[in-house]
Amino acid sequence: MDKELTESQLTFLNGSTLWSKGALFQGKRLLSTLEQSNKLDLLIFEQPQNYQLYQEQIKQINEIKDILRYEEDFFILALHNTIFFLSHAANTFAGFRKIVDEIENVNGKGQVKDVRDMRVHIDEYSKGKGGVNKDNARFIYESPDDLYPAGPFADHLFIGDATTSMIFSDAYLIGDRINVQKTLKIIDKLLPDIIKKCKKYMFPPMEI
């Protein structure tokens, strides 16, 4: 029989499962909201409308844009927690380190934490606290040269900050750096192994 885990190890294992599933759920919800926004954008430009209908649809678009921002923050929070718990659980389950490394290879090491910190603690950063003055690069982001090596965006850099996002046909970049689609593929691919470990070591539910 496998050695029993300590309470702390079980906490990190359970948190890894909970937040990996949460990040996957929230990321899919974010992309679904984006799809709604895109459909409404197309609807406005593709069909003749009267002024009253146009105004109503503009109002709906603005509301969805606001919802997108909420969804972004929820996803970043869930993703940050995923990395936190997986990193600690990796001390017991070495395979979990691979998940963290893949996420950071896609988005840049430490970038998820930076975006999370700046969005959650925007009140401090707006006052020049939180390290933004010491390291402006954490807040201001310049896209790498090879982000789009081919296509219409080739050789075009963009600069943004942690509070903004860039949306391309194949990439939703939160904080102009966290790639939602690529991150979801990683979690979706490796989540079954996390759940398998959790089911093996966590206490079974009590029968009532």
Foldseek 3Di string as FASTA:
>chain_A
DDDADDPVLLVLLVLLLVLLVVLLVLLVVLVVLVVVLVVLVCVLVPDDDDPVVNVVSVVVNVVSVVVSLVSLLSNLVSVVSNLVSLVVNCVVVVVSVVLNVQQCVQQPPPLSVLLNCCVVVVVQVVVVDPCCVVPVCSFKDKDDQVPPCDDPCHRPIDIDGSSDWDDDPQFTGHRPGRTSVSSSVSSVVCSVVSVVVSVVRPDDDDDD
